[in-house]
PDB file of N, CA and C in Angstrom:
ATOM      1  N   MET A   1      27.896 -69.152 149.214  1.00  0.00           N
ATOM      2  CA  MET A   1      27.236 -68.483 148.088  1.00  0.00           C
ATOM      3  C   MET A   1      27.315 -69.468 146.879  1.00  0.00           C
ATOM      4  N   GLU A   2      26.262 -69.524 146.096  1.00  0.00           N
ATOM      5  CA  GLU A   2      26.085 -70.401 144.929  1.00  0.00           C
ATOM      6  C   GLU A   2      26.235 -69.322 143.619  1.00  0.00           C
ATOM      7  N   VAL A   3      26.959 -69.857 142.547  1.00  0.00           N
ATOM      8  CA  VAL A   3      27.162 -69.083 141.417  1.00  0.00           C
ATOM      9  C   VAL A   3      26.784 -69.954 140.188  1.00  0.00           C
ATOM     10  N   ILE A   4      26.006 -69.522 139.266  1.00  0.00           N
ATOM     11  CA  ILE A   4      25.618 -70.145 138.189  1.00  0.00           C
ATOM     12  C   ILE A   4      25.873 -69.170 136.899  1.00  0.00           C
ATOM     13  N   ASN A   5      26.621 -69.809 135.996  1.00  0.00           N
ATOM     14  CA  ASN A   5      26.870 -69.048 134.695  1.00  0.00           C
ATOM     15  C   ASN A   5      26.210 -69.827 133.638  1.00  0.00           C
ATOM     16  N   VAL A   6      25.363 -69.186 132.780  1.00  0.00           N
ATOM     17  CA  VAL A   6      24.726 -69.847 131.735  1.00  0.00           C
ATOM     18  C   VAL A   6      24.956 -69.189 130.405  1.00  0.00           C
ATOM     19  N   GLU A   7      25.703 -69.925 129.465  1.00  0.00           N
ATOM     20  CA  GLU A   7      26.057 -69.422 128.197  1.00  0.00           C
ATOM     21  C   GLU A   7      24.972 -69.789 127.250  1.00  0.00           C
ATOM     22  N   LEU A   8      24.512 -68.857 126.364  1.00  0.00           N
ATOM     23  CA  LEU A   8      23.521 -69.093 125.511  1.00  0.00           C
ATOM     24  C   LEU A   8      23.794 -68.684 124.070  1.00  0.00           C
ATOM     25  N   GLN A   9      23.763 -69.333 123.071  1.00  0.00           N
ATOM     26  CA  GLN A   9      24.039 -68.975 121.700  1.00  0.00           C
ATOM     27  C   GLN A   9      22.711 -68.776 121.001  1.00  0.00           C
ATOM     28  N   VAL A  10      22.217 -67.701 120.711  1.00  0.00           N
ATOM     29  CA  VAL A  10      20.946 -67.301 120.219  1.00  0.00           C
ATOM     30  C   VAL A  10      20.938 -67.288 118.684  1.00  0.00           C
ATOM     31  N   LYS A  11      19.816 -67.824 118.175  1.00  0.00           N
ATOM     32  CA  LYS A  11      19.632 -67.694 116.720  1.00  0.00           C
ATOM     33  C   LYS A  11      19.543 -66.302 116.330  1.00  0.00           C
ATOM     34  N   ASP A  12      20.077 -65.866 115.279  1.00  0.00           N
ATOM     35  CA  ASP A  12      20.147 -64.434 114.804  1.00  0.00           C
ATOM     36  C   ASP A  12      18.852 -63.886 114.560  1.00  0.00           C
ATOM     37  N   GLU A  13      17.959 -64.542 114.036  1.00  0.00           N
ATOM     38  CA  GLU A  13      16.544 -64.105 113.748  1.00  0.00           C
ATOM     39  C   GLU A  13      15.620 -63.974 115.001  1.00  0.00           C
ATOM     40  N   LYS A  14      16.211 -64.501 116.148  1.00  0.00           N
ATOM     41  CA  LYS A  14      15.324 -64.604 117.303  1.00  0.00           C
ATOM     42  C   LYS A  14      15.883 -63.655 118.436  1.00  0.00           C
ATOM     43  N   ARG A  15      16.985 -62.967 118.108  1.00  0.00           N
ATOM     44  CA  ARG A  15      17.662 -62.179 119.156  1.00  0.00           C
ATOM     45  C   ARG A  15      16.726 -61.129 119.854  1.00  0.00           C
ATOM     46  N   ALA A  16      15.956 -60.311 119.063  1.00  0.00           N
ATOM     47  CA  ALA A  16      15.030 -59.341 119.717  1.00  0.00           C
ATOM     48  C   ALA A  16      14.055 -60.030 120.723  1.00  0.00           C
ATOM     49  N   ASP A  17      13.410 -61.071 120.186  1.00  0.00           N
ATOM     50  CA  ASP A  17      12.425 -61.721 121.038  1.00  0.00           C
ATOM     51  C   ASP A  17      13.161 -62.452 122.164  1.00  0.00           C
ATOM     52  N   TYR A  18      14.335 -63.056 122.045  1.00  0.00           N
ATOM     53  CA  TYR A  18      15.045 -63.602 123.129  1.00  0.00           C
ATOM     54  C   TYR A  18      15.413 -62.513 124.133  1.00  0.00           C
ATOM     55  N   GLU A  19      15.829 -61.341 123.784  1.00  0.00           N
ATOM     56  CA  GLU A  19      16.177 -60.316 124.866  1.00  0.00           C
ATOM     57  C   GLU A  19      14.953 -59.959 125.625  1.00  0.00           C
ATOM     58  N   LYS A  20      13.789 -59.910 124.967  1.00  0.00           N
ATOM     59  CA  LYS A  20      12.618 -59.517 125.700  1.00  0.00           C
ATOM     60  C   LYS A  20      12.203 -60.678 126.727  1.00  0.00           C
ATOM     61  N   PHE A  21      12.238 -61.832 126.187  1.00  0.00           N
ATOM     62  CA  PHE A  21      11.955 -63.114 127.023  1.00  0.00           C
ATOM     63  C   PHE A  21      12.861 -63.195 128.282  1.00  0.00           C
ATOM     64  N   VAL A  22      14.067 -62.992 128.068  1.00  0.00           N
ATOM     65  CA  VAL A  22      15.061 -63.118 129.147  1.00  0.00           C
ATOM     66  C   VAL A  22      14.971 -61.941 130.158  1.00  0.00           C
ATOM     67  N   ARG A  23      14.537 -60.711 129.580  1.00  0.00           N
ATOM     68  CA  ARG A  23      14.311 -59.619 130.508  1.00  0.00           C
ATOM     69  C   ARG A  23      13.362 -59.874 131.697  1.00  0.00           C
ATOM     70  N   GLU A  24      12.286 -60.640 131.387  1.00  0.00           N
ATOM     71  CA  GLU A  24      11.197 -60.953 132.352  1.00  0.00           C
ATOM     72  C   GLU A  24      11.945 -61.880 133.348  1.00  0.00           C
ATOM     73  N   LEU A  25      12.728 -63.006 133.001  1.00  0.00           N
ATOM     74  CA  LEU A  25      13.359 -63.985 133.885  1.00  0.00           C
ATOM     75  C   LEU A  25      14.264 -63.094 134.851  1.00  0.00           C
ATOM     76  N   VAL A  26      15.056 -62.172 134.313  1.00  0.00           N
ATOM     77  CA  VAL A  26      16.013 -61.443 135.103  1.00  0.00           C
ATOM     78  C   VAL A  26      15.200 -60.591 136.154  1.00  0.00           C
ATOM     79  N   ASN A  27      14.333 -59.847 135.777  1.00  0.00           N
ATOM     80  CA  ASN A  27      13.485 -58.905 136.692  1.00  0.00           C
ATOM     81  C   ASN A  27      12.869 -59.727 137.763  1.00  0.00           C
ATOM     82  N   LYS A  28      12.360 -60.795 137.398  1.00  0.00           N
ATOM     83  CA  LYS A  28      11.622 -61.589 138.452  1.00  0.00           C
ATOM     84  C   LYS A  28      12.596 -62.359 139.356  1.00  0.00           C
ATOM     85  N   SER A  29      13.708 -62.704 138.863  1.00  0.00           N
ATOM     86  CA  SER A  29      14.668 -63.476 139.590  1.00  0.00           C
ATOM     87  C   SER A  29      15.320 -62.573 140.582  1.00  0.00           C
ATOM     88  N   LEU A  30      15.561 -61.330 140.194  1.00  0.00           N
ATOM     89  CA  LEU A  30      16.151 -60.298 141.045  1.00  0.00           C
ATOM     90  C   LEU A  30      15.382 -60.062 142.371  1.00  0.00           C
ATOM     91  N   ALA A  31      14.127 -60.231 142.107  1.00  0.00           N
ATOM     92  CA  ALA A  31      13.094 -59.934 143.294  1.00  0.00           C
ATOM     93  C   ALA A  31      13.059 -61.117 144.247  1.00  0.00           C
ATOM     94  N   GLU A  32      13.629 -62.206 144.002  1.00  0.00           N
ATOM     95  CA  GLU A  32      13.478 -63.322 144.812  1.00  0.00           C
ATOM     96  C   GLU A  32      14.310 -63.282 146.037  1.00  0.00           C
ATOM     97  N   LYS A  33      13.756 -63.672 147.211  1.00  0.00           N
ATOM     98  CA  LYS A  33      14.525 -63.787 148.424  1.00  0.00           C
ATOM     99  C   LYS A  33      15.721 -64.794 148.175  1.00  0.00           C
ATOM    100  N   GLY A  34      16.910 -64.444 148.792  1.00  0.00           N
ATOM    101  CA  GLY A  34      18.107 -65.288 148.474  1.00  0.00           C
ATOM    102  C   GLY A  34      18.844 -64.978 147.257  1.00  0.00           C
ATOM    103  N   ASN A  35      18.332 -64.119 146.441  1.00  0.00           N
ATOM    104  CA  ASN A  35      19.134 -63.795 145.231  1.00  0.00           C
ATOM    105  C   ASN A  35      20.041 -62.708 145.624  1.00  0.00           C
ATOM    106  N   LEU A  36      21.363 -62.735 145.269  1.00  0.00           N
ATOM    107  CA  LEU A  36      22.359 -61.669 145.503  1.00  0.00           C
ATOM    108  C   LEU A  36      22.697 -60.986 144.333  1.00  0.00           C
ATOM    109  N   ALA A  37      22.627 -61.506 143.141  1.00  0.00           N
ATOM    110  CA  ALA A  37      22.737 -60.837 141.797  1.00  0.00           C
ATOM    111  C   ALA A  37      22.188 -61.650 140.664  1.00  0.00           C
ATOM    112  N   TYR A  38      21.706 -61.049 139.580  1.00  0.00           N
ATOM    113  CA  TYR A  38      21.236 -61.829 138.595  1.00  0.00           C
ATOM    114  C   TYR A  38      21.239 -60.900 137.315  1.00  0.00           C
ATOM    115  N   ALA A  39      22.284 -61.252 136.403  1.00  0.00           N
ATOM    116  CA  ALA A  39      22.457 -60.285 135.327  1.00  0.00           C
ATOM    117  C   ALA A  39      22.598 -61.023 134.038  1.00  0.00           C
ATOM    118  N   HIS A  40      22.262 -60.269 132.980  1.00  0.00           N
ATOM    119  CA  HIS A  40      22.354 -60.843 131.554  1.00  0.00           C
ATOM    120  C   HIS A  40      23.231 -60.011 130.783  1.00  0.00           C
ATOM    121  N   PHE A  41      24.163 -60.638 130.141  1.00  0.00           N
ATOM    122  CA  PHE A  41      25.247 -59.926 129.348  1.00  0.00           C
ATOM    123  C   PHE A  41      25.212 -60.490 127.955  1.00  0.00           C
ATOM    124  N   LYS A  42      25.751 -59.583 126.970  1.00  0.00           N
ATOM    125  CA  LYS A  42      26.025 -59.949 125.526  1.00  0.00           C
ATOM    126  C   LYS A  42      27.496 -60.025 125.385  1.00  0.00           C
ATOM    127  N   LYS A  43      28.037 -60.987 124.779  1.00  0.00           N
ATOM    128  CA  LYS A  43      29.522 -61.048 124.633  1.00  0.00           C
ATOM    129  C   LYS A  43      29.860 -59.995 123.545  1.00  0.00           C
ATOM    130  N   ILE A  44      30.996 -59.417 123.993  1.00  0.00           N
ATOM    131  CA  ILE A  44      31.371 -58.140 123.103  1.00  0.00           C
ATOM    132  C   ILE A  44      31.772 -58.582 121.661  1.00  0.00           C
ATOM    133  N   ASP A  45      32.400 -59.614 121.474  1.00  0.00           N
ATOM    134  CA  ASP A  45      32.916 -59.875 120.059  1.00  0.00           C
ATOM    135  C   ASP A  45      32.068 -60.941 119.317  1.00  0.00           C
ATOM    136  N   CYS A  46      30.746 -61.112 119.783  1.00  0.00           N
ATOM    137  CA  CYS A  46      29.829 -62.157 119.209  1.00  0.00           C
ATOM    138  C   CYS A  46      28.461 -61.677 119.468  1.00  0.00           C
ATOM    139  N   GLN A  47      27.748 -61.245 118.355  1.00  0.00           N
ATOM    140  CA  GLN A  47      26.310 -60.775 118.430  1.00  0.00           C
ATOM    141  C   GLN A  47      25.391 -61.723 119.027  1.00  0.00           C
ATOM    142  N   ASP A  48      25.581 -63.022 118.859  1.00  0.00           N
ATOM    143  CA  ASP A  48      24.691 -64.071 119.196  1.00  0.00           C
ATOM    144  C   ASP A  48      24.882 -64.753 120.435  1.00  0.00           C
ATOM    145  N   THR A  49      25.880 -64.499 121.172  1.00  0.00           N
ATOM    146  CA  THR A  49      26.280 -65.137 122.375  1.00  0.00           C
ATOM    147  C   THR A  49      25.967 -64.271 123.661  1.00  0.00           C
ATOM    148  N   TYR A  50      25.248 -64.802 124.532  1.00  0.00           N
ATOM    149  CA  TYR A  50      24.945 -64.194 125.702  1.00  0.00           C
ATOM    150  C   TYR A  50      25.270 -64.950 126.990  1.00  0.00           C
ATOM    151  N   GLU A  51      25.283 -64.366 128.233  1.00  0.00           N
ATOM    152  CA  GLU A  51      25.577 -65.067 129.414  1.00  0.00           C
ATOM    153  C   GLU A  51      24.656 -64.567 130.500  1.00  0.00           C
ATOM    154  N   ILE A  52      24.177 -65.380 131.256  1.00  0.00           N
ATOM    155  CA  ILE A  52      23.289 -65.085 132.463  1.00  0.00           C
ATOM    156  C   ILE A  52      24.286 -65.574 133.697  1.00  0.00           C
ATOM    157  N   ILE A  53      24.556 -64.530 134.620  1.00  0.00           N
ATOM    158  CA  ILE A  53      25.337 -64.795 135.769  1.00  0.00           C
ATOM    159  C   ILE A  53      24.473 -64.578 137.002  1.00  0.00           C
ATOM    160  N   GLU A  54      24.322 -65.592 137.728  1.00  0.00           N
ATOM    161  CA  GLU A  54      23.488 -65.619 138.865  1.00  0.00           C
ATOM    162  C   GLU A  54      24.318 -65.869 140.095  1.00  0.00           C
ATOM    163  N   HIS A  55      24.045 -65.046 141.330  1.00  0.00           N
ATOM    164  CA  HIS A  55      24.596 -65.250 142.497  1.00  0.00           C
ATOM    165  C   HIS A  55      23.502 -65.562 143.610  1.00  0.00           C
ATOM    166  N   TRP A  56      23.649 -66.596 144.376  1.00  0.00           N
ATOM    167  CA  TRP A  56      22.513 -67.024 145.196  1.00  0.00           C
ATOM    168  C   TRP A  56      23.048 -67.071 146.602  1.00  0.00           C
ATOM    169  N   ARG A  57      22.439 -66.829 147.594  1.00  0.00           N
ATOM    170  CA  ARG A  57      22.769 -66.926 149.069  1.00  0.00           C
ATOM    171  C   ARG A  57      23.336 -68.391 149.369  1.00  0.00           C
ATOM    172  N   ASP A  58      22.513 -69.285 148.951  1.00  0.00           N
ATOM    173  CA  ASP A  58      22.831 -70.761 149.235  1.00  0.00           C
ATOM    174  C   ASP A  58      22.051 -71.644 148.356  1.00  0.00           C
ATOM    175  N   GLN A  59      22.266 -72.980 148.445  1.00  0.00           N
ATOM    176  CA  GLN A  59      21.671 -73.999 147.573  1.00  0.00           C
ATOM    177  C   GLN A  59      20.095 -73.944 147.756  1.00  0.00           C
ATOM    178  N   ALA A  60      19.664 -73.676 149.047  1.00  0.00           N
ATOM    179  CA  ALA A  60      18.203 -73.517 149.164  1.00  0.00           C
ATOM    180  C   ALA A  60      17.627 -72.481 148.348  1.00  0.00           C
ATOM    181  N   ALA A  61      18.249 -71.391 148.265  1.00  0.00           N
ATOM    182  CA  ALA A  61      17.655 -70.289 147.360  1.00  0.00           C
ATOM    183  C   ALA A  61      17.544 -70.675 145.944  1.00  0.00           C
ATOM    184  N   VAL A  62      18.631 -71.483 145.453  1.00  0.00           N
ATOM    185  CA  VAL A  62      18.631 -72.014 144.117  1.00  0.00           C
ATOM    186  C   VAL A  62      17.394 -72.950 143.943  1.00  0.00           C
ATOM    187  N   ALA A  63      17.153 -73.713 144.910  1.00  0.00           N
ATOM    188  CA  ALA A  63      16.185 -74.814 144.763  1.00  0.00           C
ATOM    189  C   ALA A  63      14.885 -74.006 144.735  1.00  0.00           C
ATOM    190  N   THR A  64      14.695 -72.997 145.428  1.00  0.00           N
ATOM    191  CA  THR A  64      13.446 -72.214 145.511  1.00  0.00           C
ATOM    192  C   THR A  64      13.193 -71.555 144.157  1.00  0.00           C
ATOM    193  N   HIS A  65      14.277 -71.019 143.632  1.00  0.00           N
ATOM    194  CA  HIS A  65      14.278 -70.291 142.294  1.00  0.00           C
ATOM    195  C   HIS A  65      13.855 -71.370 141.205  1.00  0.00           C
ATOM    196  N   ASN A  66      14.416 -72.541 141.229  1.00  0.00           N
ATOM    197  CA  ASN A  66      14.072 -73.597 140.336  1.00  0.00           C
ATOM    198  C   ASN A  66      12.635 -74.012 140.268  1.00  0.00           C
ATOM    199  N   GLU A  67      11.844 -73.664 141.351  1.00  0.00           N
ATOM    200  CA  GLU A  67      10.483 -74.018 141.333  1.00  0.00           C
ATOM    201  C   GLU A  67       9.475 -72.890 140.941  1.00  0.00           C
ATOM    202  N   THR A  68      10.035 -71.700 140.689  1.00  0.00           N
ATOM    203  CA  THR A  68       9.233 -70.565 140.300  1.00  0.00           C
ATOM    204  C   THR A  68       8.694 -70.650 138.945  1.00  0.00           C
ATOM    205  N   ALA A  69       7.468 -70.097 138.735  1.00  0.00           N
ATOM    206  CA  ALA A  69       6.845 -69.989 137.406  1.00  0.00           C
ATOM    207  C   ALA A  69       7.718 -69.490 136.324  1.00  0.00           C
ATOM    208  N   HIS A  70       8.475 -68.358 136.696  1.00  0.00           N
ATOM    209  CA  HIS A  70       9.240 -67.688 135.614  1.00  0.00           C
ATOM    210  C   HIS A  70      10.429 -68.617 135.254  1.00  0.00           C
ATOM    211  N   PHE A  71      10.935 -69.336 136.131  1.00  0.00           N
ATOM    212  CA  PHE A  71      12.166 -70.321 135.752  1.00  0.00           C
ATOM    213  C   PHE A  71      11.589 -71.356 135.041  1.00  0.00           C
ATOM    214  N   LYS A  72      10.534 -71.853 135.358  1.00  0.00           N
ATOM    215  CA  LYS A  72       9.989 -73.076 134.692  1.00  0.00           C
ATOM    216  C   LYS A  72       9.508 -72.704 133.227  1.00  0.00           C
ATOM    217  N   ARG A  73       9.052 -71.369 133.036  1.00  0.00           N
ATOM    218  CA  ARG A  73       8.728 -70.980 131.792  1.00  0.00           C
ATOM    219  C   ARG A  73      10.130 -70.844 130.917  1.00  0.00           C
ATOM    220  N   PHE A  74      11.093 -70.292 131.526  1.00  0.00           N
ATOM    221  CA  PHE A  74      12.345 -70.159 130.933  1.00  0.00           C
ATOM    222  C   PHE A  74      12.801 -71.626 130.361  1.00  0.00           C
ATOM    223  N   LEU A  75      12.767 -72.477 131.275  1.00  0.00           N
ATOM    224  CA  LEU A  75      13.183 -73.858 130.864  1.00  0.00           C
ATOM    225  C   LEU A  75      12.381 -74.409 129.699  1.00  0.00           C
ATOM    226  N   SER A  76      11.070 -74.230 129.637  1.00  0.00           N
ATOM    227  CA  SER A  76      10.210 -74.822 128.793  1.00  0.00           C
ATOM    228  C   SER A  76      10.298 -74.219 127.422  1.00  0.00           C
ATOM    229  N   GLU A  77      10.740 -72.909 127.297  1.00  0.00           N
ATOM    230  CA  GLU A  77      10.703 -72.146 126.071  1.00  0.00           C
ATOM    231  C   GLU A  77      12.149 -71.676 125.503  1.00  0.00           C
ATOM    232  N   ILE A  78      13.151 -71.795 126.406  1.00  0.00           N
ATOM    233  CA  ILE A  78      14.462 -71.312 125.936  1.00  0.00           C
ATOM    234  C   ILE A  78      15.000 -71.889 124.662  1.00  0.00           C
ATOM    235  N   ASN A  79      14.886 -73.264 124.575  1.00  0.00           N
ATOM    236  CA  ASN A  79      15.401 -73.900 123.409  1.00  0.00           C
ATOM    237  C   ASN A  79      14.787 -73.327 122.002  1.00  0.00           C
ATOM    238  N   ASP A  80      13.659 -72.729 122.053  1.00  0.00           N
ATOM    239  CA  ASP A  80      13.061 -72.194 120.758  1.00  0.00           C
ATOM    240  C   ASP A  80      14.082 -71.038 120.247  1.00  0.00           C
ATOM    241  N   TYR A  81      14.850 -70.498 121.123  1.00  0.00           N
ATOM    242  CA  TYR A  81      15.702 -69.379 120.731  1.00  0.00           C
ATOM    243  C   TYR A  81      17.050 -69.773 120.491  1.00  0.00           C
ATOM    244  N   LEU A  82      17.513 -70.890 120.737  1.00  0.00           N
ATOM    245  CA  LEU A  82      19.006 -71.252 120.814  1.00  0.00           C
ATOM    246  C   LEU A  82      19.399 -72.041 119.582  1.00  0.00           C
ATOM    247  N   VAL A  83      20.689 -71.961 119.201  1.00  0.00           N
ATOM    248  CA  VAL A  83      21.419 -72.576 118.290  1.00  0.00           C
ATOM    249  C   VAL A  83      21.952 -73.925 118.847  1.00  0.00           C
ATOM    250  N   THR A  84      22.394 -73.865 120.092  1.00  0.00           N
ATOM    251  CA  THR A  84      22.773 -75.102 120.817  1.00  0.00           C
ATOM    252  C   THR A  84      22.329 -75.165 122.215  1.00  0.00           C
ATOM    253  N   PRO A  85      22.260 -76.139 122.877  1.00  0.00           N
ATOM    254  CA  PRO A  85      21.766 -76.191 124.273  1.00  0.00           C
ATOM    255  C   PRO A  85      22.623 -75.233 125.099  1.00  0.00           C
ATOM    256  N   PRO A  86      22.117 -74.656 126.207  1.00  0.00           N
ATOM    257  CA  PRO A  86      22.824 -73.841 127.049  1.00  0.00           C
ATOM    258  C   PRO A  86      23.991 -74.465 127.705  1.00  0.00           C
ATOM    259  N   ALA A  87      25.046 -73.832 127.929  1.00  0.00           N
ATOM    260  CA  ALA A  87      26.287 -74.246 128.542  1.00  0.00           C
ATOM    261  C   ALA A  87      26.253 -73.777 130.059  1.00  0.00           C
ATOM    262  N   ILE A  88      26.155 -74.745 131.063  1.00  0.00           N
ATOM    263  CA  ILE A  88      25.897 -74.309 132.495  1.00  0.00           C
ATOM    264  C   ILE A  88      27.071 -74.616 133.341  1.00  0.00           C
ATOM    265  N   LEU A  89      27.532 -73.642 133.972  1.00  0.00           N
ATOM    266  CA  LEU A  89      28.628 -73.864 134.877  1.00  0.00           C
ATOM    267  C   LEU A  89      28.107 -73.498 136.379  1.00  0.00           C
ATOM    268  N   ARG A  90      28.126 -74.478 137.279  1.00  0.00           N
ATOM    269  CA  ARG A  90      27.727 -74.243 138.587  1.00  0.00           C
ATOM    270  C   ARG A  90      28.953 -74.208 139.571  1.00  0.00           C
ATOM    271  N   MET A  91      28.867 -73.333 140.472  1.00  0.00           N
ATOM    272  CA  MET A  91      30.151 -73.184 141.391  1.00  0.00           C
ATOM    273  C   MET A  91      29.536 -72.854 142.768  1.00  0.00           C
ATOM    274  N   THR A  92      30.233 -73.222 143.765  1.00  0.00           N
ATOM    275  CA  THR A  92      29.971 -72.792 145.118  1.00  0.00           C
ATOM    276  C   THR A  92      31.283 -72.200 145.681  1.00  0.00           C
ATOM    277  N   ALA A  93      30.994 -71.188 146.595  1.00  0.00           N
ATOM    278  CA  ALA A  93      32.105 -70.430 147.237  1.00  0.00           C
ATOM    279  C   ALA A  93      32.994 -71.449 148.035  1.00  0.00           C
ATOM    280  N   ALA A  94      34.324 -71.360 147.705  1.00  0.00           N
ATOM    281  CA  ALA A  94      35.218 -72.225 148.535  1.00  0.00           C
ATOM    282  C   ALA A  94      35.490 -71.613 149.848  1.00  0.00           C
ATOM    283  N   SER A  95      35.678 -72.558 150.842  1.00  0.00           N
ATOM    284  CA  SER A  95      35.883 -72.164 152.254  1.00  0.00           C
ATOM    285  C   SER A  95      37.273 -71.598 152.399  1.00  0.00           C
TER     286      SER A  95
END
């Protein structure tokens, strides 16, 4: 299993638009073959910090996801909403 955590610090004035934008990514990603979980969270003690947590069957599923139109759109537009670049943590299940 492959796990990807993405921390996003969103501009205060862009929060509502960001949440709508990410909702489409989450919904479409959940429908992908090879996706085990895909969720979007808001940090409890910080209004502008969010986390996307993804679980994929294997690296092939991640590679397929990376080629989808909704993910490419996310990559091309996400920086419009952010204060800093996303912090990405990639992990694989240990044997």
